[in-house]
Amino acid sequence: MSKKPRTDTPPGPPPAPAPLPIAVVDNHTHLDISRDENDPPQVESVLAAARAVGVDRVVQIGCDLPGARFTVEQVDRHPQMLGGVAVHPNEAAKLADTGALSAAWTEIEQLATHPRIRVIGETGLDYFRTGPEGIAAQQDSFRWHIDLAKRTGKALQIHDRDSHDDVMRILEEEGAPKSTVMHCFSGDINLARQCVERGYYLSFSGTVTFKNARELRNALAIVPLERLLVETDAPFLTPAPHRGATNSSYLIPLTVRAMADVLAVDVPTLCQALSDNSEQVYGTWAV
């Protein structure tokens, strides 16, 4: 999905930040999605630029059928990459309208059998882009993905936009998988506490660097190191001071250093925790 460029964004890609002292994982990126009508990124170039700054592994997320197929193809080619497949909640509502949702689930389940697909996601609920008429389909799809994650033993990555209460309720009703990740966490302290109490992982993106994200930083501050992950959600949510530019995995160090400041921990300690947590959730990237 493309967005209009911000008029205050400087031309060209942002410069590379200083490398991290210990390599971390970009827990959620979309290498199949372009932005501002540009061509999709060159996968090899993205991975090389990320590796140069200490982001040596990524989780590529395909959240529609073309993206899921792309993800399965790419994880076979790149040892730095693991993948996730799902029907995004907004996509689920559209497919339900055409009677194609069940067939999409069938293909996602087949693609999820690939050994380097370690994630079912992103799934969840999005009440921002889909109106009340799509809620039932989104919730049905969310429940189906939760079940698939449990049946396959894979991690669940959750998209939650303007739907916190229903996301938490459905996870409680269905029973969350062993590894449940709140992708691009967007809640407040109370939601963060609930997630930590339930044993979920909270993944923070470039939004934590935004000037108006005080509540999000407050939520981050109460999350134990052993429950943290970091992501880009590229090509979106580029961290400050480059907000509005196209995001990419090589910009993760900006988010990691901002997180370390909020948590009052040194950067190497946070990097080690982020790396360890990623391996705990997704397993090894080694071929």
C-alpha atoms as a PDB file:
ATOM      1  CA  MET A   1       0.000   0.000   0.000  1.00  0.00           C
ATOM      2  CA  SER A   2       1.489   3.339  -1.009  1.00  0.00           C
ATOM      3  CA  LYS A   3       1.308   6.624   0.855  1.00  0.00           C
ATOM      4  CA  LYS A   4       1.840  10.207  -0.227  1.00  0.00           C
ATOM      5  CA  PRO A   5       5.347  11.470   0.526  1.00  0.00           C
ATOM      6  CA  ARG A   6       5.785  14.090   3.224  1.00  0.00           C
ATOM      7  CA  THR A   7       6.765  17.450   1.765  1.00  0.00           C
ATOM      8  CA  ASP A   8       9.387  17.975   4.474  1.00  0.00           C
ATOM      9  CA  THR A   9      11.262  14.764   3.680  1.00  0.00           C
ATOM     10  CA  PRO A  10      14.715  15.321   2.164  1.00  0.00           C
ATOM     11  CA  PRO A  11      15.369  13.675  -1.207  1.00  0.00           C
ATOM     12  CA  GLY A  12      17.155  10.348  -1.385  1.00  0.00           C
ATOM     13  CA  PRO A  13      17.523   7.621   1.237  1.00  0.00           C
ATOM     14  CA  PRO A  14      18.610   8.558   4.765  1.00  0.00           C
ATOM     15  CA  PRO A  15      22.289   8.047   5.573  1.00  0.00           C
ATOM     16  CA  ALA A  16      23.354   4.897   7.377  1.00  0.00           C
ATOM     17  CA  PRO A  17      23.535   5.265  11.167  1.00  0.00           C
ATOM     18  CA  ALA A  18      26.514   4.112  13.221  1.00  0.00           C
ATOM     19  CA  PRO A  19      26.641   0.303  13.410  1.00  0.00           C
ATOM     20  CA  LEU A  20      25.360  -1.519  16.463  1.00  0.00           C
ATOM     21  CA  PRO A  21      27.940  -3.254  18.676  1.00  0.00           C
ATOM     22  CA  ILE A  22      26.011  -6.556  18.687  1.00  0.00           C
ATOM     23  CA  ALA A  23      23.898  -7.734  15.763  1.00  0.00           C
ATOM     24  CA  VAL A  24      20.097  -7.682  16.069  1.00  0.00           C
ATOM     25  CA  VAL A  25      17.074  -8.863  14.084  1.00  0.00           C
ATOM     26  CA  ASP A  26      14.575  -6.775  12.142  1.00  0.00           C
ATOM     27  CA  ASN A  27      11.589  -8.670  13.476  1.00  0.00           C
ATOM     28  CA  HIS A  28       9.101  -7.426  10.831  1.00  0.00           C
ATOM     29  CA  THR A  29       9.718  -6.052   7.351  1.00  0.00           C
ATOM     30  CA  HIS A  30       7.896  -6.090   3.998  1.00  0.00           C
ATOM     31  CA  LEU A  31      10.366  -6.473   1.142  1.00  0.00           C
ATOM     32  CA  ASP A  32       7.511  -7.127  -1.266  1.00  0.00           C
ATOM     33  CA  ILE A  33       5.895  -3.705  -0.699  1.00  0.00           C
ATOM     34  CA  SER A  34       6.895  -0.482  -2.428  1.00  0.00           C
ATOM     35  CA  ARG A  35       6.206   3.040  -1.244  1.00  0.00           C
ATOM     36  CA  ASP A  36       5.386   6.306  -3.012  1.00  0.00           C
ATOM     37  CA  GLU A  37       4.993   4.435  -6.333  1.00  0.00           C
ATOM     38  CA  ASN A  38       8.637   3.372  -6.288  1.00  0.00           C
ATOM     39  CA  ASP A  39       9.795  -0.072  -7.368  1.00  0.00           C
ATOM     40  CA  PRO A  40      10.017  -2.714  -4.627  1.00  0.00           C
ATOM     41  CA  PRO A  41      13.422  -2.755  -2.939  1.00  0.00           C
ATOM     42  CA  GLN A  42      16.246  -4.960  -4.177  1.00  0.00           C
ATOM     43  CA  VAL A  43      16.408  -7.695  -1.569  1.00  0.00           C
ATOM     44  CA  GLU A  44      20.158  -8.281  -1.819  1.00  0.00           C
ATOM     45  CA  SER A  45      20.900  -4.571  -1.420  1.00  0.00           C
ATOM     46  CA  VAL A  46      18.568  -4.235   1.570  1.00  0.00           C
ATOM     47  CA  LEU A  47      20.158  -7.182   3.342  1.00  0.00           C
ATOM     48  CA  ALA A  48      23.702  -5.987   2.624  1.00  0.00           C
ATOM     49  CA  ALA A  49      22.996  -2.473   3.912  1.00  0.00           C
ATOM     50  CA  ALA A  50      21.403  -3.900   7.050  1.00  0.00           C
ATOM     51  CA  ARG A  51      24.276  -6.280   7.726  1.00  0.00           C
ATOM     52  CA  ALA A  52      26.759  -3.379   7.460  1.00  0.00           C
ATOM     53  CA  VAL A  53      25.161  -1.657  10.483  1.00  0.00           C
ATOM     54  CA  GLY A  54      24.621  -4.731  12.635  1.00  0.00           C
ATOM     55  CA  VAL A  55      21.223  -5.977  11.504  1.00  0.00           C
ATOM     56  CA  ASP A  56      22.254  -9.405  10.304  1.00  0.00           C
ATOM     57  CA  ARG A  57      18.873 -11.172  10.275  1.00  0.00           C
ATOM     58  CA  VAL A  58      15.358 -10.220   9.191  1.00  0.00           C
ATOM     59  CA  VAL A  59      11.839 -11.628   9.332  1.00  0.00           C
ATOM     60  CA  GLN A  60      10.076 -10.982   6.029  1.00  0.00           C
ATOM     61  CA  ILE A  61       6.294 -10.805   6.402  1.00  0.00           C
ATOM     62  CA  GLY A  62       3.919 -11.582   3.537  1.00  0.00           C
ATOM     63  CA  CYS A  63       0.423 -10.482   4.494  1.00  0.00           C
ATOM     64  CA  ASP A  64      -1.514 -11.207   1.309  1.00  0.00           C
ATOM     65  CA  LEU A  65      -1.279 -14.123  -1.103  1.00  0.00           C
ATOM     66  CA  PRO A  66       1.245 -12.511  -3.507  1.00  0.00           C
ATOM     67  CA  GLY A  67       3.336 -11.375  -0.534  1.00  0.00           C
ATOM     68  CA  ALA A  68       3.183 -14.805   1.084  1.00  0.00           C
ATOM     69  CA  ARG A  69       4.327 -16.495  -2.137  1.00  0.00           C
ATOM     70  CA  PHE A  70       7.146 -13.964  -2.461  1.00  0.00           C
ATOM     71  CA  THR A  71       8.193 -14.660   1.126  1.00  0.00           C
ATOM     72  CA  VAL A  72       8.460 -18.410   0.570  1.00  0.00           C
ATOM     73  CA  GLU A  73      10.584 -17.820  -2.528  1.00  0.00           C
ATOM     74  CA  GLN A  74      12.926 -15.400  -0.761  1.00  0.00           C
ATOM     75  CA  VAL A  75      13.570 -17.393   2.420  1.00  0.00           C
ATOM     76  CA  ASP A  76      14.999 -20.154   0.228  1.00  0.00           C
ATOM     77  CA  ARG A  77      17.467 -17.712  -1.324  1.00  0.00           C
ATOM     78  CA  HIS A  78      18.701 -15.743   1.663  1.00  0.00           C
ATOM     79  CA  PRO A  79      20.085 -17.328   4.858  1.00  0.00           C
ATOM     80  CA  GLN A  80      19.647 -13.963   6.634  1.00  0.00           C
ATOM     81  CA  MET A  81      15.876 -14.271   6.220  1.00  0.00           C
ATOM     82  CA  LEU A  82      13.065 -16.142   7.900  1.00  0.00           C
ATOM     83  CA  GLY A  83       9.459 -15.518   6.954  1.00  0.00           C
ATOM     84  CA  GLY A  84       5.866 -15.136   8.005  1.00  0.00           C
ATOM     85  CA  VAL A  85       2.656 -15.655   6.030  1.00  0.00           C
ATOM     86  CA  ALA A  86      -0.936 -14.669   6.711  1.00  0.00           C
ATOM     87  CA  VAL A  87      -4.002 -12.889   5.438  1.00  0.00           C
ATOM     88  CA  HIS A  88      -3.858  -9.341   6.835  1.00  0.00           C
ATOM     89  CA  PRO A  89      -7.074  -8.315   8.617  1.00  0.00           C
ATOM     90  CA  ASN A  90      -7.911  -5.666   6.020  1.00  0.00           C
ATOM     91  CA  GLU A  91      -7.332  -8.223   3.279  1.00  0.00           C
ATOM     92  CA  ALA A  92      -9.508 -10.740   5.118  1.00  0.00           C
ATOM     93  CA  ALA A  93     -12.484  -8.388   5.026  1.00  0.00           C
ATOM     94  CA  LYS A  94     -12.052  -7.850   1.270  1.00  0.00           C
ATOM     95  CA  LEU A  95     -11.695 -11.557   0.531  1.00  0.00           C
ATOM     96  CA  ALA A  96     -14.741 -12.392   2.624  1.00  0.00           C
ATOM     97  CA  ASP A  97     -16.797  -9.994   0.511  1.00  0.00           C
ATOM     98  CA  THR A  98     -15.891 -11.956  -2.633  1.00  0.00           C
ATOM     99  CA  GLY A  99     -16.200 -15.396  -1.067  1.00  0.00           C
ATOM    100  CA  ALA A 100     -12.471 -16.051  -1.458  1.00  0.00           C
ATOM    101  CA  LEU A 101     -11.330 -16.035   2.172  1.00  0.00           C
ATOM    102  CA  SER A 102     -11.543 -19.793   2.756  1.00  0.00           C
ATOM    103  CA  ALA A 103      -9.450 -20.507  -0.347  1.00  0.00           C
ATOM    104  CA  ALA A 104      -6.869 -17.952   0.825  1.00  0.00           C
ATOM    105  CA  TRP A 105      -6.638 -19.678   4.206  1.00  0.00           C
ATOM    106  CA  THR A 106      -6.027 -22.990   2.451  1.00  0.00           C
ATOM    107  CA  GLU A 107      -3.082 -21.559   0.517  1.00  0.00           C
ATOM    108  CA  ILE A 108      -1.632 -19.823   3.576  1.00  0.00           C
ATOM    109  CA  GLU A 109      -1.746 -23.094   5.490  1.00  0.00           C
ATOM    110  CA  GLN A 110       0.136 -24.834   2.683  1.00  0.00           C
ATOM    111  CA  LEU A 111       2.767 -22.089   2.441  1.00  0.00           C
ATOM    112  CA  ALA A 112       3.225 -22.201   6.216  1.00  0.00           C
ATOM    113  CA  THR A 113       4.601 -25.747   5.976  1.00  0.00           C
ATOM    114  CA  HIS A 114       7.902 -24.405   4.608  1.00  0.00           C
ATOM    115  CA  PRO A 115      10.588 -24.941   7.285  1.00  0.00           C
ATOM    116  CA  ARG A 116      11.878 -21.353   7.062  1.00  0.00           C
ATOM    117  CA  ILE A 117       8.407 -19.905   7.525  1.00  0.00           C
ATOM    118  CA  ARG A 118       8.429 -19.461  11.288  1.00  0.00           C
ATOM    119  CA  VAL A 119       5.597 -16.944  11.722  1.00  0.00           C
ATOM    120  CA  ILE A 120       1.850 -16.918  11.222  1.00  0.00           C
ATOM    121  CA  GLY A 121       1.230 -13.248  10.699  1.00  0.00           C
ATOM    122  CA  GLU A 122       0.601 -10.560  10.513  1.00  0.00           C
ATOM    123  CA  THR A 123      -2.925 -11.291  11.582  1.00  0.00           C
ATOM    124  CA  GLY A 124      -5.183  -9.565  14.057  1.00  0.00           C
ATOM    125  CA  LEU A 125      -7.662  -6.707  13.829  1.00  0.00           C
ATOM    126  CA  ASP A 126      -7.683  -3.287  12.168  1.00  0.00           C
ATOM    127  CA  TYR A 127     -10.688  -1.083  12.870  1.00  0.00           C
ATOM    128  CA  PHE A 128      -9.011   1.973  11.315  1.00  0.00           C
ATOM    129  CA  ARG A 129      -9.100   0.973   7.637  1.00  0.00           C
ATOM    130  CA  THR A 130     -12.038  -1.459   7.772  1.00  0.00           C
ATOM    131  CA  GLY A 131     -15.465  -0.352   8.918  1.00  0.00           C
ATOM    132  CA  PRO A 132     -18.011  -2.181  11.082  1.00  0.00           C
ATOM    133  CA  GLU A 133     -19.141  -4.291   8.143  1.00  0.00           C
ATOM    134  CA  GLY A 134     -15.759  -6.039   8.061  1.00  0.00           C
ATOM    135  CA  ILE A 135     -15.342  -6.754  11.772  1.00  0.00           C
ATOM    136  CA  ALA A 136     -16.892 -10.240  11.746  1.00  0.00           C
ATOM    137  CA  ALA A 137     -14.667 -11.405   8.892  1.00  0.00           C
ATOM    138  CA  GLN A 138     -11.572  -9.969  10.580  1.00  0.00           C
ATOM    139  CA  GLN A 139     -12.366 -11.675  13.852  1.00  0.00           C
ATOM    140  CA  ASP A 140     -13.067 -15.019  12.149  1.00  0.00           C
ATOM    141  CA  SER A 141      -9.775 -14.754  10.274  1.00  0.00           C
ATOM    142  CA  PHE A 142      -7.882 -13.833  13.444  1.00  0.00           C
ATOM    143  CA  ARG A 143      -9.260 -16.897  15.222  1.00  0.00           C
ATOM    144  CA  TRP A 144      -8.302 -19.105  12.274  1.00  0.00           C
ATOM    145  CA  HIS A 145      -4.717 -17.806  12.282  1.00  0.00           C
ATOM    146  CA  ILE A 146      -4.398 -18.321  16.045  1.00  0.00           C
ATOM    147  CA  ASP A 147      -5.422 -21.926  15.555  1.00  0.00           C
ATOM    148  CA  LEU A 148      -2.974 -22.362  12.672  1.00  0.00           C
ATOM    149  CA  ALA A 149      -0.094 -21.004  14.762  1.00  0.00           C
ATOM    150  CA  LYS A 150      -0.881 -23.453  17.546  1.00  0.00           C
ATOM    151  CA  ARG A 151      -1.285 -26.409  15.186  1.00  0.00           C
ATOM    152  CA  THR A 152       2.011 -25.681  13.424  1.00  0.00           C
ATOM    153  CA  GLY A 153       3.989 -24.608  16.496  1.00  0.00           C
ATOM    154  CA  LYS A 154       4.926 -21.296  14.870  1.00  0.00           C
ATOM    155  CA  ALA A 155       5.024 -17.818  16.382  1.00  0.00           C
ATOM    156  CA  LEU A 156       2.018 -15.531  15.984  1.00  0.00           C
ATOM    157  CA  GLN A 157       2.544 -11.891  14.948  1.00  0.00           C
ATOM    158  CA  ILE A 158      -0.408  -9.629  15.686  1.00  0.00           C
ATOM    159  CA  HIS A 159      -1.514  -6.474  13.907  1.00  0.00           C
ATOM    160  CA  ASP A 160      -3.587  -4.349  16.305  1.00  0.00           C
ATOM    161  CA  ARG A 161      -4.901  -0.997  15.149  1.00  0.00           C
ATOM    162  CA  ASP A 162      -7.674   0.711  17.100  1.00  0.00           C
ATOM    163  CA  SER A 163      -8.743  -2.730  18.343  1.00  0.00           C
ATOM    164  CA  HIS A 164      -6.853  -3.389  21.592  1.00  0.00           C
ATOM    165  CA  ASP A 165      -9.773  -4.716  23.631  1.00  0.00           C
ATOM    166  CA  ASP A 166     -10.996  -7.163  21.008  1.00  0.00           C
ATOM    167  CA  VAL A 167      -7.475  -8.401  20.235  1.00  0.00           C
ATOM    168  CA  MET A 168      -6.840  -9.200  23.892  1.00  0.00           C
ATOM    169  CA  ARG A 169     -10.298 -10.736  24.345  1.00  0.00           C
ATOM    170  CA  ILE A 170      -9.959 -13.056  21.354  1.00  0.00           C
ATOM    171  CA  LEU A 171      -6.467 -14.147  22.384  1.00  0.00           C
ATOM    172  CA  GLU A 172      -7.854 -15.004  25.811  1.00  0.00           C
ATOM    173  CA  GLU A 173     -10.839 -16.869  24.367  1.00  0.00           C
ATOM    174  CA  GLU A 174      -8.818 -18.877  21.848  1.00  0.00           C
ATOM    175  CA  GLY A 175      -5.687 -19.355  23.945  1.00  0.00           C
ATOM    176  CA  ALA A 176      -2.566 -17.631  22.645  1.00  0.00           C
ATOM    177  CA  PRO A 177       0.270 -19.636  21.075  1.00  0.00           C
ATOM    178  CA  LYS A 178       3.440 -20.150  23.098  1.00  0.00           C
ATOM    179  CA  SER A 179       5.191 -17.343  21.177  1.00  0.00           C
ATOM    180  CA  THR A 180       2.869 -14.389  20.603  1.00  0.00           C
ATOM    181  CA  VAL A 181       4.281 -11.114  19.300  1.00  0.00           C
ATOM    182  CA  MET A 182       2.482  -7.776  19.402  1.00  0.00           C
ATOM    183  CA  HIS A 183       3.882  -6.378  16.153  1.00  0.00           C
ATOM    184  CA  CYS A 184       4.471  -2.618  16.101  1.00  0.00           C
ATOM    185  CA  PHE A 185       3.149  -2.258  19.618  1.00  0.00           C
ATOM    186  CA  SER A 186       0.912   0.812  19.815  1.00  0.00           C
ATOM    187  CA  GLY A 187      -0.720   0.607  23.216  1.00  0.00           C
ATOM    188  CA  ASP A 188      -0.302   2.375  26.547  1.00  0.00           C
ATOM    189  CA  ILE A 189       1.212   1.268  29.852  1.00  0.00           C
ATOM    190  CA  ASN A 190      -1.889  -0.678  30.857  1.00  0.00           C
ATOM    191  CA  LEU A 191      -1.904  -2.703  27.643  1.00  0.00           C
ATOM    192  CA  ALA A 192       1.842  -3.292  27.893  1.00  0.00           C
ATOM    193  CA  ARG A 193       1.383  -4.642  31.421  1.00  0.00           C
ATOM    194  CA  GLN A 194      -1.376  -6.986  30.275  1.00  0.00           C
ATOM    195  CA  CYS A 195       0.810  -8.299  27.458  1.00  0.00           C
ATOM    196  CA  VAL A 196       3.784  -8.838  29.756  1.00  0.00           C
ATOM    197  CA  GLU A 197       1.609 -10.616  32.324  1.00  0.00           C
ATOM    198  CA  ARG A 198       0.382 -12.988  29.612  1.00  0.00           C
ATOM    199  CA  GLY A 199       3.900 -13.691  28.386  1.00  0.00           C
ATOM    200  CA  TYR A 200       3.603 -11.951  25.025  1.00  0.00           C
ATOM    201  CA  TYR A 201       6.538 -10.287  23.269  1.00  0.00           C
ATOM    202  CA  LEU A 202       6.258  -6.583  22.414  1.00  0.00           C
ATOM    203  CA  SER A 203       7.915  -5.433  19.202  1.00  0.00           C
ATOM    204  CA  PHE A 204       8.686  -1.720  18.887  1.00  0.00           C
ATOM    205  CA  SER A 205       9.168   0.150  15.623  1.00  0.00           C
ATOM    206  CA  GLY A 206      10.343   3.614  14.596  1.00  0.00           C
ATOM    207  CA  THR A 207       7.174   5.089  16.095  1.00  0.00           C
ATOM    208  CA  VAL A 208       8.875   4.993  19.496  1.00  0.00           C
ATOM    209  CA  THR A 209      11.214   7.754  18.247  1.00  0.00           C
ATOM    210  CA  PHE A 210       8.410  10.139  17.228  1.00  0.00           C
ATOM    211  CA  LYS A 211       8.075  13.349  19.252  1.00  0.00           C
ATOM    212  CA  ASN A 212       4.376  12.761  19.905  1.00  0.00           C
ATOM    213  CA  ALA A 213       4.883   9.164  21.142  1.00  0.00           C
ATOM    214  CA  ARG A 214       5.287   9.885  24.870  1.00  0.00           C
ATOM    215  CA  GLU A 215       2.683   7.275  25.900  1.00  0.00           C
ATOM    216  CA  LEU A 216       4.384   4.653  23.757  1.00  0.00           C
ATOM    217  CA  ARG A 217       7.756   5.375  25.358  1.00  0.00           C
ATOM    218  CA  ASN A 218       6.112   5.147  28.770  1.00  0.00           C
ATOM    219  CA  ALA A 219       4.789   1.714  27.788  1.00  0.00           C
ATOM    220  CA  LEU A 220       8.215   0.622  26.580  1.00  0.00           C
ATOM    221  CA  ALA A 221       9.776   1.648  29.884  1.00  0.00           C
ATOM    222  CA  ILE A 222       7.891  -1.046  31.834  1.00  0.00           C
ATOM    223  CA  VAL A 223       8.625  -3.967  29.498  1.00  0.00           C
ATOM    224  CA  PRO A 224      11.284  -6.419  30.731  1.00  0.00           C
ATOM    225  CA  LEU A 225      14.253  -6.918  28.414  1.00  0.00           C
ATOM    226  CA  GLU A 226      13.328 -10.564  27.917  1.00  0.00           C
ATOM    227  CA  ARG A 227      10.006  -9.568  26.299  1.00  0.00           C
ATOM    228  CA  LEU A 228      11.324  -7.023  23.780  1.00  0.00           C
ATOM    229  CA  LEU A 229      11.779  -7.172  20.020  1.00  0.00           C
ATOM    230  CA  VAL A 230      12.538  -4.452  17.448  1.00  0.00           C
ATOM    231  CA  GLU A 231      11.310  -3.977  13.885  1.00  0.00           C
ATOM    232  CA  THR A 232      11.024  -1.584  10.996  1.00  0.00           C
ATOM    233  CA  ASP A 233       7.623  -2.449   9.467  1.00  0.00           C
ATOM    234  CA  ALA A 234       9.455  -1.218   6.365  1.00  0.00           C
ATOM    235  CA  PRO A 235       8.846   0.539   4.099  1.00  0.00           C
ATOM    236  CA  PHE A 236       6.778   2.495   6.640  1.00  0.00           C
ATOM    237  CA  LEU A 237       7.308   4.024  10.120  1.00  0.00           C
ATOM    238  CA  THR A 238      10.807   5.372   9.499  1.00  0.00           C
ATOM    239  CA  PRO A 239      12.432   6.481  12.763  1.00  0.00           C
ATOM    240  CA  ALA A 240      13.289  10.091  13.554  1.00  0.00           C
ATOM    241  CA  PRO A 241      15.003  12.154  12.326  1.00  0.00           C
ATOM    242  CA  HIS A 242      13.976  10.675   8.956  1.00  0.00           C
ATOM    243  CA  ARG A 243      10.246  10.289   9.519  1.00  0.00           C
ATOM    244  CA  GLY A 244       8.444  10.254   6.174  1.00  0.00           C
ATOM    245  CA  ALA A 245      11.304   8.744   4.185  1.00  0.00           C
ATOM    246  CA  THR A 246      11.192   5.162   2.989  1.00  0.00           C
ATOM    247  CA  ASN A 247      12.138   2.843   5.819  1.00  0.00           C
ATOM    248  CA  SER A 248      14.573  -0.066   5.561  1.00  0.00           C
ATOM    249  CA  SER A 249      16.282  -2.508   7.901  1.00  0.00           C
ATOM    250  CA  TYR A 250      19.545  -0.536   7.950  1.00  0.00           C
ATOM    251  CA  LEU A 251      17.778   2.168  10.000  1.00  0.00           C
ATOM    252  CA  ILE A 252      17.053  -0.181  12.932  1.00  0.00           C
ATOM    253  CA  PRO A 253      20.027   1.208  14.939  1.00  0.00           C
ATOM    254  CA  LEU A 254      18.166   4.507  15.352  1.00  0.00           C
ATOM    255  CA  THR A 255      15.245   2.707  16.984  1.00  0.00           C
ATOM    256  CA  VAL A 256      17.480   0.487  19.119  1.00  0.00           C
ATOM    257  CA  ARG A 257      19.395   3.463  20.529  1.00  0.00           C
ATOM    258  CA  ALA A 258      16.152   5.312  21.288  1.00  0.00           C
ATOM    259  CA  MET A 259      14.836   2.225  23.075  1.00  0.00           C
ATOM    260  CA  ALA A 260      18.040   1.958  25.122  1.00  0.00           C
ATOM    261  CA  ASP A 261      17.621   5.578  26.240  1.00  0.00           C
ATOM    262  CA  VAL A 262      14.042   4.963  27.369  1.00  0.00           C
ATOM    263  CA  LEU A 263      14.985   1.766  29.181  1.00  0.00           C
ATOM    264  CA  ALA A 264      18.121   3.298  30.749  1.00  0.00           C
ATOM    265  CA  VAL A 265      20.271   0.371  29.624  1.00  0.00           C
ATOM    266  CA  ASP A 266      23.443   0.374  27.571  1.00  0.00           C
ATOM    267  CA  VAL A 267      23.139  -0.399  23.882  1.00  0.00           C
ATOM    268  CA  PRO A 268      25.129  -3.687  23.927  1.00  0.00           C
ATOM    269  CA  THR A 269      22.903  -5.073  26.686  1.00  0.00           C
ATOM    270  CA  LEU A 270      19.758  -4.239  24.745  1.00  0.00           C
ATOM    271  CA  CYS A 271      21.197  -5.604  21.497  1.00  0.00           C
ATOM    272  CA  GLN A 272      22.046  -8.916  23.140  1.00  0.00           C
ATOM    273  CA  ALA A 273      18.554  -9.186  24.591  1.00  0.00           C
ATOM    274  CA  LEU A 274      16.928  -8.392  21.241  1.00  0.00           C
ATOM    275  CA  SER A 275      19.056 -10.987  19.484  1.00  0.00           C
ATOM    276  CA  ASP A 276      18.451 -13.653  22.124  1.00  0.00           C
ATOM    277  CA  ASN A 277      14.705 -13.000  22.183  1.00  0.00           C
ATOM    278  CA  SER A 278      14.475 -13.282  18.402  1.00  0.00           C
ATOM    279  CA  GLU A 279      16.182 -16.671  18.435  1.00  0.00           C
ATOM    280  CA  GLN A 280      13.904 -17.744  21.292  1.00  0.00           C
ATOM    281  CA  VAL A 281      10.781 -16.805  19.317  1.00  0.00           C
ATOM    282  CA  TYR A 282      11.768 -17.857  15.792  1.00  0.00           C
ATOM    283  CA  GLY A 283      14.576 -20.386  16.190  1.00  0.00           C
ATOM    284  CA  THR A 284      17.902 -20.269  14.418  1.00  0.00           C
ATOM    285  CA  TRP A 285      18.521 -18.606  11.062  1.00  0.00           C
ATOM    286  CA  ALA A 286      21.338 -21.091  10.312  1.00  0.00           C
ATOM    287  CA  VAL A 287      20.784 -23.150   7.170  1.00  0.00           C
END
